[in-house]
């Protein structure tokens, strides 16, 4: 009976170590993907704003309704 309990205890330690490694690796990759996606969206939004401002400046388009 003690051998069975020792074997189960060893198996539990193995699963805890290996499972912990897998969980940490999965969470790390998930966070990396979230950061990458957020960075991509932020860069796209920044480029869109800069492009819009360049359009407004270079082509001299005005929002002033009196100028139409």
N, C-alpha and C. Protein backbone atom coordinates (compact mmCIF):
# COMPACT_ATOMS: atom_id res chain seq x y z
N UNK A 1 0.83 -1.20 0.00
CA UNK A 1 0.00 0.00 0.00
C UNK A 1 0.87 1.25 0.00
N UNK A 2 1.98 1.22 0.73
CA UNK A 2 2.84 2.40 0.77
C UNK A 2 3.50 2.65 -0.58
N UNK A 3 3.79 1.56 -1.31
CA UNK A 3 4.38 1.73 -2.64
C UNK A 3 3.40 2.40 -3.59
N UNK A 4 2.14 2.02 -3.46
CA UNK A 4 1.12 2.61 -4.32
C UNK A 4 0.98 4.09 -3.99
N UNK A 5 0.93 4.42 -2.71
CA UNK A 5 0.82 5.83 -2.31
C UNK A 5 2.05 6.62 -2.76
N UNK A 6 3.24 6.02 -2.66
CA UNK A 6 4.46 6.69 -3.10
C UNK A 6 4.43 6.89 -4.61
N UNK A 7 3.95 5.89 -5.34
CA UNK A 7 3.86 6.01 -6.80
C UNK A 7 2.87 7.10 -7.19
N UNK A 8 1.75 7.15 -6.50
CA UNK A 8 0.74 8.19 -6.77
C UNK A 8 1.32 9.56 -6.42
N UNK A 9 2.04 9.65 -5.31
CA UNK A 9 2.67 10.91 -4.93
C UNK A 9 3.69 11.37 -5.97
N UNK A 10 4.50 10.44 -6.47
CA UNK A 10 5.46 10.76 -7.51
C UNK A 10 4.78 11.21 -8.79
N UNK A 11 3.68 10.56 -9.12
CA UNK A 11 2.92 10.93 -10.31
C UNK A 11 2.32 12.33 -10.15
N UNK A 12 1.83 12.62 -8.96
CA UNK A 12 1.27 13.95 -8.70
C UNK A 12 2.34 15.03 -8.83
N UNK A 13 3.53 14.78 -8.32
CA UNK A 13 4.62 15.74 -8.44
C UNK A 13 4.99 15.93 -9.91
N UNK A 14 5.08 14.83 -10.66
CA UNK A 14 5.40 14.91 -12.08
C UNK A 14 4.36 15.75 -12.83
N UNK A 15 3.08 15.48 -12.58
CA UNK A 15 2.01 16.21 -13.26
C UNK A 15 2.04 17.68 -12.85
N UNK A 16 2.32 17.97 -11.59
CA UNK A 16 2.36 19.36 -11.13
C UNK A 16 3.50 20.12 -11.81
N UNK A 17 4.67 19.50 -11.90
CA UNK A 17 5.80 20.18 -12.53
C UNK A 17 5.57 20.34 -14.02
N UNK A 18 5.22 19.26 -14.70
CA UNK A 18 5.02 19.33 -16.15
C UNK A 18 3.81 20.18 -16.49
N UNK A 19 2.72 20.02 -15.75
CA UNK A 19 1.52 20.82 -15.99
C UNK A 19 1.77 22.29 -15.72
N UNK A 20 2.54 22.58 -14.68
CA UNK A 20 2.88 23.97 -14.39
C UNK A 20 3.69 24.59 -15.52
N UNK A 21 4.62 23.82 -16.06
CA UNK A 21 5.42 24.28 -17.20
C UNK A 21 4.52 24.57 -18.40
N UNK A 22 3.60 23.67 -18.67
CA UNK A 22 2.69 23.85 -19.81
C UNK A 22 1.79 25.07 -19.60
N UNK A 23 1.29 25.24 -18.39
CA UNK A 23 0.41 26.38 -18.10
C UNK A 23 1.17 27.69 -18.24
N UNK A 24 2.38 27.77 -17.70
CA UNK A 24 3.18 28.99 -17.79
C UNK A 24 3.50 29.28 -19.25
N UNK A 25 3.87 28.28 -20.00
CA UNK A 25 4.20 28.47 -21.42
C UNK A 25 2.97 28.93 -22.20
N UNK A 26 1.82 28.34 -21.92
CA UNK A 26 0.59 28.73 -22.61
C UNK A 26 0.20 30.16 -22.27
N UNK A 27 0.25 30.53 -21.00
CA UNK A 27 -0.09 31.89 -20.60
C UNK A 27 0.88 32.90 -21.19
N UNK A 28 2.17 32.55 -21.24
CA UNK A 28 3.16 33.45 -21.82
C UNK A 28 2.87 33.70 -23.30
N UNK A 29 2.56 32.64 -24.03
CA UNK A 29 2.24 32.80 -25.45
C UNK A 29 0.94 33.56 -25.65
N UNK A 30 -0.03 33.34 -24.78
CA UNK A 30 -1.29 34.07 -24.89
C UNK A 30 -1.06 35.56 -24.66
N UNK A 31 -0.31 35.90 -23.62
CA UNK A 31 -0.02 37.31 -23.35
C UNK A 31 0.78 37.94 -24.48
N UNK A 32 1.73 37.19 -25.05
CA UNK A 32 2.51 37.69 -26.17
C UNK A 32 1.59 37.99 -27.36
N UNK A 33 0.64 37.10 -27.63
CA UNK A 33 -0.29 37.32 -28.73
C UNK A 33 -1.18 38.53 -28.48
N UNK A 34 -1.63 38.70 -27.24
CA UNK A 34 -2.47 39.86 -26.90
C UNK A 34 -1.68 41.16 -27.09
N UNK A 35 -0.44 41.17 -26.62
CA UNK A 35 0.40 42.37 -26.75
C UNK A 35 0.67 42.65 -28.23
N UNK A 36 0.97 41.63 -29.01
CA UNK A 36 1.24 41.81 -30.43
C UNK A 36 0.01 42.37 -31.15
N UNK A 37 -1.16 41.83 -30.85
CA UNK A 37 -2.40 42.29 -31.49
C UNK A 37 -2.68 43.75 -31.10
N UNK A 38 -2.53 44.07 -29.82
CA UNK A 38 -2.76 45.44 -29.36
C UNK A 38 -1.79 46.41 -30.02
N UNK A 39 -0.54 46.01 -30.12
CA UNK A 39 0.46 46.85 -30.78
C UNK A 39 0.11 47.07 -32.25
N UNK A 40 -0.36 46.03 -32.91
CA UNK A 40 -0.74 46.14 -34.32
C UNK A 40 -1.91 47.10 -34.49
N UNK A 41 -2.92 46.98 -33.64
CA UNK A 41 -4.08 47.87 -33.72
C UNK A 41 -3.67 49.31 -33.44
N UNK A 42 -2.82 49.51 -32.44
CA UNK A 42 -2.38 50.86 -32.09
C UNK A 42 -1.56 51.47 -33.23
N UNK A 43 -0.69 50.70 -33.85
CA UNK A 43 0.09 51.20 -34.98
C UNK A 43 -0.81 51.55 -36.15
N UNK A 44 -1.80 50.72 -36.42
CA UNK A 44 -2.75 51.00 -37.50
C UNK A 44 -3.52 52.29 -37.22
N UNK A 45 -3.98 52.46 -35.99
CA UNK A 45 -4.72 53.68 -35.63
C UNK A 45 -3.83 54.91 -35.74
N UNK A 46 -2.60 54.80 -35.29
CA UNK A 46 -1.67 55.93 -35.38
C UNK A 46 -1.41 56.30 -36.84
N UNK A 47 -1.18 55.29 -37.69
CA UNK A 47 -0.95 55.55 -39.11
C UNK A 47 -2.18 56.17 -39.76
N UNK A 48 -3.36 55.74 -39.34
CA UNK A 48 -4.59 56.30 -39.88
C UNK A 48 -4.73 57.78 -39.50
N UNK A 49 -4.45 58.12 -38.26
CA UNK A 49 -4.54 59.52 -37.82
C UNK A 49 -3.51 60.38 -38.54
N UNK A 50 -2.27 59.89 -38.63
CA UNK A 50 -1.23 60.66 -39.31
C UNK A 50 -1.58 60.82 -40.79
N UNK A 51 -2.09 59.77 -41.42
CA UNK A 51 -2.50 59.87 -42.82
C UNK A 51 -3.63 60.86 -43.01
N UNK A 52 -4.58 60.86 -42.12
CA UNK A 52 -5.68 61.81 -42.21
C UNK A 52 -5.18 63.25 -42.04
N UNK A 53 -4.30 63.46 -41.07
CA UNK A 53 -3.74 64.80 -40.88
C UNK A 53 -2.93 65.25 -42.09
N UNK A 54 -2.17 64.33 -42.67
CA UNK A 54 -1.41 64.68 -43.87
C UNK A 54 -2.36 65.04 -45.01
N UNK A 55 -3.41 64.31 -45.16
CA UNK A 55 -4.41 64.62 -46.19
C UNK A 55 -4.98 66.01 -45.98
N UNK A 56 -5.34 66.32 -44.73
CA UNK A 56 -5.93 67.63 -44.43
C UNK A 56 -4.94 68.76 -44.66
N UNK A 57 -3.68 68.54 -44.32
CA UNK A 57 -2.67 69.59 -44.44
C UNK A 57 -2.27 69.78 -45.90
N UNK A 58 -1.93 68.70 -46.59
CA UNK A 58 -1.40 68.81 -47.95
C UNK A 58 -2.45 69.26 -48.97
N UNK A 59 -3.69 68.83 -48.79
CA UNK A 59 -4.71 69.19 -49.75
C UNK A 59 -5.55 70.38 -49.30
N UNK A 60 -5.29 70.89 -48.13
CA UNK A 60 -5.94 72.11 -47.65
C UNK A 60 -7.44 72.00 -47.54
N UNK A 61 -7.97 70.86 -47.20
CA UNK A 61 -9.40 70.68 -47.06
C UNK A 61 -9.81 71.22 -45.70
N UNK A 62 -10.91 71.93 -45.65
CA UNK A 62 -11.36 72.56 -44.41
C UNK A 62 -12.70 71.98 -43.99
N UNK A 63 -12.91 71.90 -42.69
CA UNK A 63 -14.20 71.48 -42.15
C UNK A 63 -15.15 72.67 -41.98
N UNK A 64 -14.66 73.84 -42.24
CA UNK A 64 -15.47 75.04 -42.04
C UNK A 64 -16.60 75.06 -43.07
N UNK A 65 -17.88 74.97 -42.61
CA UNK A 65 -18.99 74.92 -43.56
C UNK A 65 -19.15 76.22 -44.37
N UNK A 66 -18.59 77.30 -43.89
CA UNK A 66 -18.71 78.57 -44.64
C UNK A 66 -17.80 78.58 -45.88
N UNK A 67 -16.85 77.67 -45.94
CA UNK A 67 -15.91 77.67 -47.06
C UNK A 67 -16.40 76.84 -48.23
N UNK A 68 -17.54 76.14 -48.09
CA UNK A 68 -18.04 75.27 -49.17
C UNK A 68 -18.95 76.03 -50.08
